[in-house]
Amino acid sequence: AAEDYRQGGNEGVRLPPGGFLPVAERYNLTGRIDRWVVRNLLERYAVKRREEPACQIPLYCVNLSSAALLDVTFERHVLKQIDSSGIAGDRLCFEIAAEHLRDHAAAVRRLMDSLRVLGCRFAVDGLEGTHDSLAAMRKLRFDFCKIDGFTILNMLLDTAVLPKVKAIAITCRKLGVPTIAQFVESDDIREKVTAVGVDYVQGFGVGRPDVLARVGWSAPAMQVD
């Protein structure tokens, strides 16, 4: 099912996530897609390691839907895929949307406690810097914080947004959590997030999305200077 949505059904047209995820959510298929992503990624990893035993595999981040968070068998699925592929758990970083920290706090904690023993890492995705979201993040041990992309884009339109991003960066640094600015689409945006202390950048200004088969296995992360 996940492959059909991603490939555009029988038409063979590749769709961006926004083109098929709303349909998947409507038919309660997002959990199956999350499982497919983990399985497909690790299976490709296993093939690559057999072909090139010395290859270095980067950290891969996997977005999780609320369906995966609420599925108590999802952790067992991840464990099975790690065991069968031979991947080290610390090569996987699961991204959890900021709103899920509030709406599904118990499920998030259960998932993190279960998968951390395997070495898996976690990122909070789309943090806007509100009091509630920061308070929820403090209660859990995250490895990365991704700052909301629309907040980053608005820095060019509203001068009041820049101090907000700086406050997020400062708070996360005090917590020992590296920050990642999303939607970095120009040098101007990159310069601004660098100036306020953001650690990493992500967006079309760094690299465009592509299929896994064409993505370098050892592509370096983009850290701001």
N, C-alpha and C. Protein backbone atom coordinates (compact mmCIF):
# COMPACT_ATOMS: atom_id res chain seq x y z
N ALA A 1 0.83 -1.20 0.00
CA ALA A 1 0.00 0.00 0.00
C ALA A 1 0.86 1.25 0.00
N ALA A 2 1.92 1.24 0.82
CA ALA A 2 2.78 2.42 0.88
C ALA A 2 3.43 2.67 -0.47
N GLU A 3 3.87 1.59 -1.12
CA GLU A 3 4.52 1.75 -2.42
C GLU A 3 3.53 2.29 -3.44
N ASP A 4 2.28 1.83 -3.39
CA ASP A 4 1.28 2.30 -4.34
C ASP A 4 1.05 3.79 -4.18
N TYR A 5 0.95 4.26 -2.94
CA TYR A 5 0.74 5.68 -2.72
C TYR A 5 1.94 6.48 -3.19
N ARG A 6 3.14 6.00 -2.82
CA ARG A 6 4.35 6.77 -3.15
C ARG A 6 4.57 6.84 -4.65
N GLN A 7 4.21 5.76 -5.37
CA GLN A 7 4.44 5.72 -6.80
C GLN A 7 3.28 6.32 -7.59
N GLY A 8 2.22 6.70 -6.90
CA GLY A 8 1.09 7.29 -7.61
C GLY A 8 0.18 6.22 -8.20
N GLY A 9 0.05 5.06 -7.50
CA GLY A 9 -0.82 4.01 -7.99
C GLY A 9 -0.30 3.40 -9.27
N ASN A 10 -1.18 3.16 -10.21
CA ASN A 10 -0.81 2.53 -11.47
C ASN A 10 -0.30 3.51 -12.51
N GLU A 11 -0.32 4.79 -12.21
CA GLU A 11 0.09 5.78 -13.18
C GLU A 11 1.61 5.98 -13.20
N GLY A 12 2.31 5.46 -12.20
CA GLY A 12 3.76 5.58 -12.16
C GLY A 12 4.26 6.98 -11.91
N VAL A 13 3.45 7.83 -11.31
CA VAL A 13 3.84 9.21 -11.03
C VAL A 13 4.25 9.32 -9.57
N ARG A 14 5.45 9.82 -9.33
CA ARG A 14 5.90 9.98 -7.96
C ARG A 14 5.21 11.17 -7.31
N LEU A 15 4.70 10.94 -6.11
CA LEU A 15 4.00 11.98 -5.38
C LEU A 15 4.81 12.41 -4.17
N PRO A 16 4.78 13.70 -3.84
CA PRO A 16 5.41 14.13 -2.58
C PRO A 16 4.55 13.64 -1.42
N PRO A 17 5.10 13.63 -0.20
CA PRO A 17 4.30 13.14 0.93
C PRO A 17 2.95 13.82 1.06
N GLY A 18 2.89 15.14 0.79
CA GLY A 18 1.62 15.84 0.89
C GLY A 18 0.60 15.38 -0.12
N GLY A 19 1.05 14.65 -1.14
CA GLY A 19 0.14 14.17 -2.17
C GLY A 19 -0.52 12.86 -1.83
N PHE A 20 0.06 12.09 -0.89
CA PHE A 20 -0.56 10.80 -0.57
C PHE A 20 -0.84 10.59 0.92
N LEU A 21 -0.15 11.32 1.80
CA LEU A 21 -0.38 11.09 3.22
C LEU A 21 -1.80 11.44 3.68
N PRO A 22 -2.43 12.53 3.16
CA PRO A 22 -3.82 12.78 3.58
C PRO A 22 -4.75 11.62 3.26
N VAL A 23 -4.52 10.98 2.11
CA VAL A 23 -5.33 9.81 1.74
C VAL A 23 -5.04 8.65 2.69
N ALA A 24 -3.76 8.45 2.98
CA ALA A 24 -3.37 7.38 3.90
C ALA A 24 -3.98 7.59 5.28
N GLU A 25 -4.00 8.85 5.74
CA GLU A 25 -4.59 9.14 7.04
C GLU A 25 -6.09 8.87 7.03
N ARG A 26 -6.74 9.21 5.92
CA ARG A 26 -8.19 9.01 5.82
C ARG A 26 -8.56 7.53 5.93
N TYR A 27 -7.70 6.67 5.39
CA TYR A 27 -7.98 5.23 5.39
C TYR A 27 -7.15 4.48 6.44
N ASN A 28 -6.62 5.20 7.40
CA ASN A 28 -5.88 4.60 8.52
C ASN A 28 -4.73 3.70 8.07
N LEU A 29 -3.96 4.20 7.11
CA LEU A 29 -2.84 3.42 6.58
C LEU A 29 -1.48 3.97 6.98
N THR A 30 -1.44 5.05 7.75
CA THR A 30 -0.15 5.66 8.07
C THR A 30 0.74 4.74 8.89
N GLY A 31 0.13 3.95 9.76
CA GLY A 31 0.92 3.01 10.55
C GLY A 31 1.60 1.97 9.68
N ARG A 32 0.88 1.50 8.67
CA ARG A 32 1.47 0.53 7.74
C ARG A 32 2.60 1.16 6.93
N ILE A 33 2.43 2.43 6.58
CA ILE A 33 3.48 3.13 5.85
C ILE A 33 4.74 3.26 6.72
N ASP A 34 4.57 3.60 7.99
CA ASP A 34 5.71 3.72 8.89
C ASP A 34 6.47 2.40 8.97
N ARG A 35 5.74 1.30 9.06
CA ARG A 35 6.38 -0.02 9.11
C ARG A 35 7.12 -0.30 7.80
N TRP A 36 6.50 0.06 6.68
CA TRP A 36 7.13 -0.17 5.38
C TRP A 36 8.42 0.64 5.26
N VAL A 37 8.39 1.88 5.74
CA VAL A 37 9.58 2.73 5.65
C VAL A 37 10.74 2.11 6.43
N VAL A 38 10.47 1.69 7.66
CA VAL A 38 11.53 1.09 8.49
C VAL A 38 12.05 -0.18 7.84
N ARG A 39 11.15 -1.04 7.40
CA ARG A 39 11.57 -2.31 6.79
C ARG A 39 12.36 -2.08 5.50
N ASN A 40 11.86 -1.20 4.64
CA ASN A 40 12.52 -0.95 3.35
C ASN A 40 13.90 -0.32 3.54
N LEU A 41 14.00 0.63 4.46
CA LEU A 41 15.28 1.28 4.72
C LEU A 41 16.32 0.27 5.21
N LEU A 42 15.93 -0.55 6.17
CA LEU A 42 16.90 -1.48 6.75
C LEU A 42 17.23 -2.64 5.81
N GLU A 43 16.26 -3.03 4.98
CA GLU A 43 16.56 -4.06 3.99
C GLU A 43 17.59 -3.55 2.98
N ARG A 44 17.44 -2.31 2.55
CA ARG A 44 18.42 -1.72 1.62
C ARG A 44 19.78 -1.60 2.30
N TYR A 45 19.76 -1.26 3.57
CA TYR A 45 21.01 -1.18 4.31
C TYR A 45 21.71 -2.54 4.33
N ALA A 46 20.94 -3.61 4.58
CA ALA A 46 21.54 -4.94 4.66
C ALA A 46 22.17 -5.33 3.33
N VAL A 47 21.51 -5.03 2.22
CA VAL A 47 22.06 -5.32 0.89
C VAL A 47 23.35 -4.55 0.67
N LYS A 48 23.34 -3.27 1.04
CA LYS A 48 24.53 -2.44 0.87
C LYS A 48 25.70 -2.98 1.67
N ARG A 49 25.45 -3.42 2.90
CA ARG A 49 26.53 -3.93 3.73
C ARG A 49 27.10 -5.22 3.17
N ARG A 50 26.24 -6.04 2.55
CA ARG A 50 26.75 -7.27 1.94
C ARG A 50 27.63 -6.95 0.73
N GLU A 51 27.24 -5.91 -0.02
CA GLU A 51 28.01 -5.53 -1.20
C GLU A 51 29.30 -4.79 -0.83
N GLU A 52 29.22 -3.96 0.20
CA GLU A 52 30.37 -3.16 0.63
C GLU A 52 30.47 -3.21 2.16
N PRO A 53 31.10 -4.25 2.69
CA PRO A 53 31.15 -4.43 4.15
C PRO A 53 31.75 -3.25 4.91
N ALA A 54 32.61 -2.47 4.26
CA ALA A 54 33.27 -1.37 4.96
C ALA A 54 32.52 -0.04 4.85
N CYS A 55 31.36 -0.04 4.19
CA CYS A 55 30.64 1.22 3.98
C CYS A 55 30.17 1.80 5.32
N GLN A 56 30.16 3.11 5.39
CA GLN A 56 29.72 3.81 6.59
C GLN A 56 28.29 4.31 6.36
N ILE A 57 27.39 3.91 7.21
CA ILE A 57 25.99 4.29 7.05
C ILE A 57 25.68 5.50 7.92
N PRO A 58 25.12 6.56 7.35
CA PRO A 58 24.82 7.77 8.14
C PRO A 58 23.61 7.56 9.04
N LEU A 59 23.31 8.56 9.82
CA LEU A 59 22.11 8.55 10.65
C LEU A 59 20.90 8.83 9.76
N TYR A 60 19.89 7.96 9.83
CA TYR A 60 18.66 8.16 9.06
C TYR A 60 17.52 8.54 10.00
N CYS A 61 16.80 9.60 9.63
CA CYS A 61 15.66 10.06 10.43
C CYS A 61 14.36 9.60 9.79
N VAL A 62 13.48 9.06 10.61
CA VAL A 62 12.21 8.50 10.15
C VAL A 62 11.07 9.18 10.88
N ASN A 63 10.20 9.86 10.14
CA ASN A 63 9.02 10.48 10.74
C ASN A 63 8.03 9.41 11.17
N LEU A 64 7.45 9.59 12.33
CA LEU A 64 6.46 8.64 12.83
C LEU A 64 5.08 9.30 12.92
N SER A 65 4.08 8.57 12.50
CA SER A 65 2.70 9.04 12.61
C SER A 65 2.17 8.73 14.00
N SER A 66 1.03 9.32 14.33
CA SER A 66 0.41 9.02 15.62
C SER A 66 -0.01 7.56 15.68
N ALA A 67 -0.32 6.97 14.51
CA ALA A 67 -0.71 5.55 14.48
C ALA A 67 0.42 4.67 14.97
N ALA A 68 1.65 4.97 14.57
CA ALA A 68 2.79 4.18 15.03
C ALA A 68 3.01 4.37 16.52
N LEU A 69 2.85 5.61 17.00
CA LEU A 69 3.04 5.87 18.41
C LEU A 69 2.05 5.09 19.27
N LEU A 70 0.82 4.97 18.78
CA LEU A 70 -0.24 4.32 19.56
C LEU A 70 -0.26 2.81 19.37
N ASP A 71 0.52 2.29 18.45
CA ASP A 71 0.58 0.85 18.18
C ASP A 71 1.63 0.21 19.08
N VAL A 72 1.18 -0.55 20.07
CA VAL A 72 2.12 -1.12 21.04
C VAL A 72 3.00 -2.20 20.41
N THR A 73 2.68 -2.66 19.19
CA THR A 73 3.50 -3.67 18.53
C THR A 73 4.56 -3.04 17.61
N PHE A 74 4.53 -1.72 17.47
CA PHE A 74 5.48 -1.09 16.56
C PHE A 74 6.92 -1.28 17.03
N GLU A 75 7.15 -1.19 18.34
CA GLU A 75 8.50 -1.39 18.86
C GLU A 75 9.04 -2.76 18.49
N ARG A 76 8.20 -3.80 18.56
CA ARG A 76 8.64 -5.15 18.21
C ARG A 76 8.98 -5.23 16.72
N HIS A 77 8.24 -4.49 15.90
CA HIS A 77 8.53 -4.46 14.47
C HIS A 77 9.92 -3.86 14.23
N VAL A 78 10.23 -2.77 14.92
CA VAL A 78 11.54 -2.15 14.76
C VAL A 78 12.64 -3.10 15.22
N LEU A 79 12.45 -3.75 16.37
CA LEU A 79 13.44 -4.70 16.88
C LEU A 79 13.68 -5.83 15.88
N LYS A 80 12.61 -6.35 15.31
CA LYS A 80 12.74 -7.44 14.33
C LYS A 80 13.55 -6.99 13.12
N GLN A 81 13.27 -5.78 12.63
CA GLN A 81 13.98 -5.28 11.45
C GLN A 81 15.45 -5.00 11.75
N ILE A 82 15.74 -4.50 12.92
CA ILE A 82 17.13 -4.27 13.31
C ILE A 82 17.89 -5.58 13.39
N ASP A 83 17.26 -6.59 14.01
CA ASP A 83 17.91 -7.90 14.15
C ASP A 83 18.17 -8.53 12.79
N SER A 84 17.20 -8.47 11.89
CA SER A 84 17.35 -9.13 10.60
C SER A 84 18.32 -8.41 9.67
N SER A 85 18.45 -7.10 9.83
CA SER A 85 19.32 -6.32 8.94
C SER A 85 20.75 -6.22 9.44
N GLY A 86 20.94 -6.33 10.75
CA GLY A 86 22.26 -6.17 11.32
C GLY A 86 22.66 -4.72 11.54
N ILE A 87 21.72 -3.79 11.34
CA ILE A 87 22.01 -2.38 11.55
C ILE A 87 22.13 -2.08 13.04
N ALA A 88 23.01 -1.16 13.37
CA ALA A 88 23.07 -0.69 14.75
C ALA A 88 21.90 0.25 15.00
N GLY A 89 21.26 0.10 16.14
CA GLY A 89 20.09 0.92 16.42
C GLY A 89 20.37 2.41 16.41
N ASP A 90 21.63 2.79 16.68
CA ASP A 90 21.93 4.22 16.73
C ASP A 90 22.03 4.86 15.35
N ARG A 91 21.79 4.08 14.30
CA ARG A 91 21.70 4.64 12.94
C ARG A 91 20.29 5.11 12.61
N LEU A 92 19.36 4.91 13.53
CA LEU A 92 17.97 5.32 13.33
C LEU A 92 17.61 6.42 14.31
N CYS A 93 16.99 7.47 13.79
CA CYS A 93 16.47 8.54 14.63
C CYS A 93 15.00 8.74 14.27
N PHE A 94 14.13 8.52 15.22
CA PHE A 94 12.70 8.65 14.97
C PHE A 94 12.23 10.05 15.32
N GLU A 95 11.56 10.68 14.36
CA GLU A 95 11.06 12.04 14.55
C GLU A 95 9.61 12.00 15.03
N ILE A 96 9.36 12.72 16.11
CA ILE A 96 8.03 12.77 16.71
C ILE A 96 7.53 14.20 16.66
N ALA A 97 6.37 14.40 16.06
CA ALA A 97 5.81 15.74 15.91
C ALA A 97 5.56 16.37 17.28
N ALA A 98 5.82 17.67 17.37
CA ALA A 98 5.71 18.37 18.65
C ALA A 98 4.32 18.23 19.26
N GLU A 99 3.28 18.24 18.41
CA GLU A 99 1.93 18.15 18.98
C GLU A 99 1.66 16.80 19.63
N HIS A 100 2.39 15.76 19.20
CA HIS A 100 2.20 14.44 19.79
C HIS A 100 2.75 14.37 21.21
N LEU A 101 3.68 15.26 21.55
CA LEU A 101 4.20 15.28 22.91
C LEU A 101 3.10 15.63 23.90
N ARG A 102 2.16 16.44 23.44
CA ARG A 102 1.04 16.84 24.28
C ARG A 102 -0.12 15.86 24.17
N ASP A 103 -0.46 15.47 22.93
CA ASP A 103 -1.65 14.65 22.71
C ASP A 103 -1.45 13.18 23.06
N HIS A 104 -0.21 12.69 22.94
CA HIS A 104 0.06 11.26 23.17
C HIS A 104 1.29 11.08 24.05
N ALA A 105 1.34 11.83 25.14
CA ALA A 105 2.54 11.85 25.98
C ALA A 105 2.94 10.47 26.48
N ALA A 106 1.97 9.70 26.96
CA ALA A 106 2.29 8.37 27.51
C ALA A 106 2.82 7.44 26.42
N ALA A 107 2.22 7.50 25.24
CA ALA A 107 2.66 6.64 24.14
C ALA A 107 4.07 7.02 23.68
N VAL A 108 4.35 8.31 23.65
CA VAL A 108 5.69 8.77 23.25
C VAL A 108 6.73 8.26 24.24
N ARG A 109 6.44 8.38 25.51
CA ARG A 109 7.39 7.93 26.53
C ARG A 109 7.60 6.42 26.43
N ARG A 110 6.53 5.66 26.23
CA ARG A 110 6.65 4.20 26.11
C ARG A 110 7.54 3.82 24.93
N LEU A 111 7.30 4.48 23.78
CA LEU A 111 8.08 4.19 22.59
C LEU A 111 9.56 4.52 22.81
N MET A 112 9.82 5.69 23.36
CA MET A 112 11.20 6.11 23.57
C MET A 112 11.92 5.19 24.55
N ASP A 113 11.26 4.81 25.62
CA ASP A 113 11.88 3.92 26.60
C ASP A 113 12.20 2.56 25.97
N SER A 114 11.30 2.07 25.11
CA SER A 114 11.49 0.75 24.49
C SER A 114 12.62 0.74 23.47
N LEU A 115 12.70 1.79 22.65
CA LEU A 115 13.67 1.79 21.55
C LEU A 115 15.02 2.37 21.93
N ARG A 116 15.08 3.13 23.02
CA ARG A 116 16.39 3.65 23.43
C ARG A 116 17.34 2.53 23.85
N VAL A 117 16.79 1.45 24.38
CA VAL A 117 17.66 0.34 24.79
C VAL A 117 18.32 -0.31 23.58
N LEU A 118 17.76 -0.07 22.38
CA LEU A 118 18.36 -0.58 21.14
C LEU A 118 19.36 0.40 20.56
N GLY A 119 19.46 1.58 21.18
CA GLY A 119 20.37 2.60 20.69
C GLY A 119 19.71 3.64 19.80
N CYS A 120 18.41 3.49 19.52
CA CYS A 120 17.71 4.42 18.63
C CYS A 120 17.69 5.82 19.26
N ARG A 121 17.70 6.81 18.38
CA ARG A 121 17.66 8.20 18.82
C ARG A 121 16.33 8.84 18.45
N PHE A 122 16.09 10.04 19.01
CA PHE A 122 14.80 10.68 18.81
C PHE A 122 14.96 12.18 18.60
N ALA A 123 14.08 12.71 17.73
CA ALA A 123 14.04 14.15 17.48
C ALA A 123 12.60 14.62 17.63
N VAL A 124 12.42 15.79 18.24
CA VAL A 124 11.11 16.41 18.25
C VAL A 124 11.02 17.25 16.98
N ASP A 125 9.93 17.09 16.25
CA ASP A 125 9.79 17.69 14.92
C ASP A 125 8.77 18.82 14.94
N GLY A 126 9.15 19.97 14.38
CA GLY A 126 8.21 21.08 14.25
C GLY A 126 7.98 21.86 15.51
N LEU A 127 9.02 22.02 16.33
CA LEU A 127 8.86 22.78 17.57
C LEU A 127 8.68 24.27 17.24
N GLU A 128 7.64 24.87 17.81
CA GLU A 128 7.34 26.28 17.55
C GLU A 128 7.82 27.19 18.67
N GLY A 129 8.24 26.61 19.76
CA GLY A 129 8.76 27.43 20.86
C GLY A 129 7.71 27.93 21.83
N THR A 130 6.49 27.39 21.77
CA THR A 130 5.48 27.79 22.74
C THR A 130 5.84 27.23 24.11
N HIS A 131 5.27 27.81 25.14
CA HIS A 131 5.55 27.36 26.51
C HIS A 131 5.19 25.89 26.68
N ASP A 132 4.03 25.48 26.16
CA ASP A 132 3.57 24.10 26.31
C ASP A 132 4.50 23.12 25.61
N SER A 133 4.94 23.47 24.39
CA SER A 133 5.78 22.55 23.64
C SER A 133 7.15 22.40 24.28
N LEU A 134 7.71 23.51 24.77
CA LEU A 134 9.01 23.45 25.43
C LEU A 134 8.92 22.68 26.74
N ALA A 135 7.82 22.87 27.47
CA ALA A 135 7.64 22.15 28.73
C ALA A 135 7.54 20.65 28.48
N ALA A 136 6.80 20.27 27.41
CA ALA A 136 6.67 18.85 27.08
C ALA A 136 8.01 18.25 26.67
N MET A 137 8.81 19.02 25.93
CA MET A 137 10.10 18.52 25.48
C MET A 137 11.05 18.31 26.65
N ARG A 138 10.97 19.17 27.66
CA ARG A 138 11.86 19.06 28.81
C ARG A 138 11.62 17.75 29.58
N LYS A 139 10.42 17.21 29.49
CA LYS A 139 10.09 16.00 30.24
C LYS A 139 10.66 14.74 29.61
N LEU A 140 11.12 14.86 28.36
CA LEU A 140 11.64 13.70 27.64
C LEU A 140 13.07 14.00 27.18
N ARG A 141 13.84 12.95 26.94
CA ARG A 141 15.24 13.12 26.56
C ARG A 141 15.37 12.98 25.04
N PHE A 142 15.42 14.11 24.35
CA PHE A 142 15.56 14.08 22.89
C PHE A 142 17.01 14.30 22.49
N ASP A 143 17.35 13.78 21.31
CA ASP A 143 18.70 13.92 20.77
C ASP A 143 18.82 15.13 19.84
N PHE A 144 17.68 15.53 19.25
CA PHE A 144 17.66 16.67 18.34
C PHE A 144 16.32 17.40 18.48
N CYS A 145 16.34 18.67 18.15
CA CYS A 145 15.12 19.46 18.10
C CYS A 145 15.03 20.13 16.73
N LYS A 146 13.99 19.82 15.97
CA LYS A 146 13.78 20.45 14.68
C LYS A 146 12.81 21.62 14.85
N ILE A 147 13.29 22.80 14.51
CA ILE A 147 12.47 24.00 14.66
C ILE A 147 11.49 24.09 13.49
N ASP A 148 10.26 24.41 13.79
CA ASP A 148 9.19 24.47 12.80
C ASP A 148 9.59 25.26 11.55
N GLY A 149 9.38 24.65 10.37
CA GLY A 149 9.82 25.26 9.12
C GLY A 149 9.13 26.57 8.80
N PHE A 150 7.84 26.69 9.09
CA PHE A 150 7.14 27.94 8.79
C PHE A 150 7.62 29.07 9.69
N THR A 151 8.01 28.71 10.91
CA THR A 151 8.62 29.70 11.80
C THR A 151 9.92 30.21 11.19
N ILE A 152 10.73 29.30 10.65
CA ILE A 152 11.99 29.68 10.02
C ILE A 152 11.74 30.58 8.81
N LEU A 153 10.78 30.22 7.96
CA LEU A 153 10.49 31.05 6.79
C LEU A 153 10.00 32.44 7.18
N ASN A 154 9.26 32.52 8.26
CA ASN A 154 8.70 33.81 8.68
C ASN A 154 9.75 34.78 9.20
N MET A 155 10.97 34.30 9.43
CA MET A 155 12.02 35.20 9.88
C MET A 155 12.30 36.30 8.86
N LEU A 156 12.05 36.00 7.57
CA LEU A 156 12.28 36.98 6.52
C LEU A 156 11.15 37.99 6.42
N LEU A 157 10.01 37.67 7.02
CA LEU A 157 8.83 38.52 6.90
C LEU A 157 8.51 39.29 8.18
N ASP A 158 8.92 38.74 9.32
CA ASP A 158 8.56 39.34 10.60
C ASP A 158 9.79 39.37 11.50
N THR A 159 10.27 40.56 11.82
CA THR A 159 11.48 40.70 12.63
C THR A 159 11.30 40.16 14.04
N ALA A 160 10.05 40.01 14.48
CA ALA A 160 9.80 39.50 15.83
C ALA A 160 10.05 38.01 15.94
N VAL A 161 10.16 37.32 14.80
CA VAL A 161 10.33 35.87 14.81
C VAL A 161 11.77 35.48 15.15
N LEU A 162 12.73 36.29 14.73
CA LEU A 162 14.14 35.95 14.95
C LEU A 162 14.46 35.75 16.43
N PRO A 163 14.03 36.65 17.33
CA PRO A 163 14.29 36.41 18.76
C PRO A 163 13.65 35.12 19.27
N LYS A 164 12.52 34.77 18.68
CA LYS A 164 11.84 33.53 19.07
C LYS A 164 12.71 32.32 18.72
N VAL A 165 13.27 32.32 17.51
CA VAL A 165 14.14 31.22 17.10
C VAL A 165 15.38 31.19 17.98
N LYS A 166 15.92 32.35 18.30
CA LYS A 166 17.10 32.42 19.16
C LYS A 166 16.79 31.85 20.55
N ALA A 167 15.60 32.15 21.06
CA ALA A 167 15.20 31.64 22.37
C ALA A 167 15.11 30.12 22.37
N ILE A 168 14.60 29.56 21.26
CA ILE A 168 14.54 28.09 21.15
C ILE A 168 15.93 27.50 21.15
N ALA A 169 16.83 28.12 20.37
CA ALA A 169 18.21 27.63 20.29
C ALA A 169 18.90 27.69 21.65
N ILE A 170 18.68 28.77 22.38
CA ILE A 170 19.31 28.91 23.70
C ILE A 170 18.76 27.87 24.67
N THR A 171 17.43 27.70 24.67
CA THR A 171 16.81 26.74 25.58
C THR A 171 17.30 25.33 25.29
N CYS A 172 17.35 24.97 24.01
CA CYS A 172 17.79 23.62 23.65
C CYS A 172 19.26 23.40 24.00
N ARG A 173 20.06 24.43 23.82
CA ARG A 173 21.48 24.31 24.15
C ARG A 173 21.66 24.07 25.64
N LYS A 174 20.87 24.73 26.47
CA LYS A 174 20.93 24.51 27.91
C LYS A 174 20.53 23.08 28.26
N LEU A 175 19.63 22.49 27.46
CA LEU A 175 19.19 21.12 27.68
C LEU A 175 20.14 20.10 27.05
N GLY A 176 21.14 20.60 26.30
CA GLY A 176 22.06 19.70 25.63
C GLY A 176 21.48 19.05 24.38
N VAL A 177 20.50 19.72 23.75
CA VAL A 177 19.83 19.17 22.57
C VAL A 177 20.18 20.01 21.34
N PRO A 178 20.90 19.46 20.37
CA PRO A 178 21.22 20.21 19.15
C PRO A 178 19.96 20.60 18.39
N THR A 179 19.97 21.77 17.76
CA THR A 179 18.81 22.25 17.01
C THR A 179 19.04 22.13 15.50
N ILE A 180 17.93 21.92 14.79
CA ILE A 180 17.95 21.82 13.33
C ILE A 180 16.88 22.76 12.79
N ALA A 181 17.27 23.70 11.94
CA ALA A 181 16.31 24.61 11.31
C ALA A 181 15.77 23.95 10.05
N GLN A 182 14.46 23.83 9.94
CA GLN A 182 13.82 23.27 8.76
C GLN A 182 13.47 24.39 7.77
N PHE A 183 13.21 24.01 6.52
CA PHE A 183 12.79 24.94 5.47
C PHE A 183 13.85 26.01 5.19
N VAL A 184 15.11 25.63 5.30
CA VAL A 184 16.18 26.57 4.97
C VAL A 184 16.35 26.54 3.45
N GLU A 185 15.80 27.54 2.78
CA GLU A 185 15.72 27.52 1.33
C GLU A 185 16.60 28.57 0.66
N SER A 186 17.35 29.33 1.43
CA SER A 186 18.20 30.36 0.83
C SER A 186 19.38 30.65 1.74
N ASP A 187 20.41 31.29 1.18
CA ASP A 187 21.57 31.68 1.98
C ASP A 187 21.18 32.70 3.05
N ASP A 188 20.19 33.54 2.74
CA ASP A 188 19.75 34.55 3.69
C ASP A 188 19.21 33.89 4.96
N ILE A 189 18.37 32.88 4.77
CA ILE A 189 17.81 32.18 5.93
C ILE A 189 18.92 31.47 6.70
N ARG A 190 19.82 30.85 5.97
CA ARG A 190 20.90 30.12 6.63
C ARG A 190 21.76 31.07 7.47
N GLU A 191 22.04 32.24 6.94
CA GLU A 191 22.84 33.21 7.69
C GLU A 191 22.14 33.64 8.97
N LYS A 192 20.81 33.81 8.88
CA LYS A 192 20.07 34.26 10.05
C LYS A 192 20.03 33.19 11.14
N VAL A 193 19.79 31.92 10.77
CA VAL A 193 19.75 30.88 11.80
C VAL A 193 21.13 30.63 12.38
N THR A 194 22.17 30.82 11.55
CA THR A 194 23.54 30.70 12.05
C THR A 194 23.81 31.75 13.11
N ALA A 195 23.33 32.96 12.85
CA ALA A 195 23.58 34.08 13.76
C ALA A 195 22.94 33.89 15.12
N VAL A 196 21.84 33.16 15.18
CA VAL A 196 21.15 32.97 16.47
C VAL A 196 21.51 31.66 17.15
N GLY A 197 22.46 30.91 16.57
CA GLY A 197 22.98 29.75 17.28
C GLY A 197 22.36 28.41 16.96
N VAL A 198 21.64 28.30 15.83
CA VAL A 198 21.11 27.00 15.43
C VAL A 198 22.26 26.12 14.96
N ASP A 199 22.21 24.83 15.28
CA ASP A 199 23.33 23.92 15.03
C ASP A 199 23.37 23.35 13.61
N TYR A 200 22.21 22.96 13.08
CA TYR A 200 22.15 22.32 11.77
C TYR A 200 21.03 22.94 10.93
N VAL A 201 21.11 22.74 9.61
CA VAL A 201 20.07 23.24 8.72
C VAL A 201 19.58 22.13 7.82
N GLN A 202 18.33 22.27 7.38
CA GLN A 202 17.68 21.30 6.50
C GLN A 202 16.75 22.06 5.58
N GLY A 203 16.73 21.71 4.30
CA GLY A 203 15.82 22.37 3.37
C GLY A 203 16.36 22.38 1.97
N PHE A 204 15.58 22.94 1.05
CA PHE A 204 15.95 22.96 -0.36
C PHE A 204 17.24 23.74 -0.61
N GLY A 205 17.59 24.65 0.30
CA GLY A 205 18.84 25.38 0.15
C GLY A 205 20.06 24.53 0.43
N VAL A 206 19.85 23.36 1.01
CA VAL A 206 20.93 22.43 1.32
C VAL A 206 20.90 21.24 0.36
N GLY A 207 19.72 20.68 0.14
CA GLY A 207 19.56 19.54 -0.76
C GLY A 207 18.09 19.23 -0.94
N ARG A 208 17.75 18.74 -2.11
CA ARG A 208 16.36 18.43 -2.41
C ARG A 208 16.07 16.95 -2.15
N PRO A 209 14.81 16.62 -1.83
CA PRO A 209 14.45 15.22 -1.59
C PRO A 209 14.71 14.36 -2.82
N ASP A 210 15.04 13.10 -2.59
CA ASP A 210 15.27 12.18 -3.69
C ASP A 210 14.95 10.77 -3.20
N VAL A 211 14.86 9.83 -4.14
CA VAL A 211 14.60 8.45 -3.76
C VAL A 211 15.85 7.88 -3.11
N LEU A 212 15.66 6.92 -2.22
CA LEU A 212 16.77 6.39 -1.44
C LEU A 212 17.86 5.79 -2.32
N ALA A 213 17.48 5.18 -3.43
CA ALA A 213 18.47 4.52 -4.29
C ALA A 213 19.48 5.51 -4.86
N ARG A 214 19.11 6.80 -4.94
CA ARG A 214 20.03 7.78 -5.51
C ARG A 214 20.70 8.65 -4.45
N VAL A 215 20.38 8.41 -3.20
CA VAL A 215 20.97 9.20 -2.12
C VAL A 215 22.25 8.53 -1.67
N GLY A 216 23.30 9.32 -1.49
CA GLY A 216 24.58 8.75 -1.04
C GLY A 216 24.46 8.14 0.33
N TRP A 217 25.05 6.97 0.52
CA TRP A 217 24.95 6.27 1.80
C TRP A 217 25.76 6.95 2.89
N SER A 218 26.75 7.70 2.50
CA SER A 218 27.57 8.35 3.51
C SER A 218 27.54 9.87 3.36
N ALA A 219 26.38 10.40 2.93
CA ALA A 219 26.24 11.85 2.74
C ALA A 219 26.42 12.55 4.08
N PRO A 220 27.25 13.59 4.16
CA PRO A 220 27.49 14.26 5.44
C PRO A 220 26.32 15.14 5.84
N ALA A 221 26.18 15.33 7.16
CA ALA A 221 25.18 16.27 7.65
C ALA A 221 25.67 17.68 7.39
N MET A 222 24.75 18.62 7.29
CA MET A 222 25.12 20.02 7.06
C MET A 222 25.05 20.76 8.39
N GLN A 223 26.20 21.04 8.94
CA GLN A 223 26.26 21.79 10.19
C GLN A 223 26.61 23.23 9.86
N VAL A 224 25.94 24.16 10.54
CA VAL A 224 26.21 25.57 10.28
C VAL A 224 27.47 25.97 11.01
N ASP A 225 28.17 26.96 10.44
CA ASP A 225 29.44 27.40 11.02
C ASP A 225 29.21 28.55 12.01
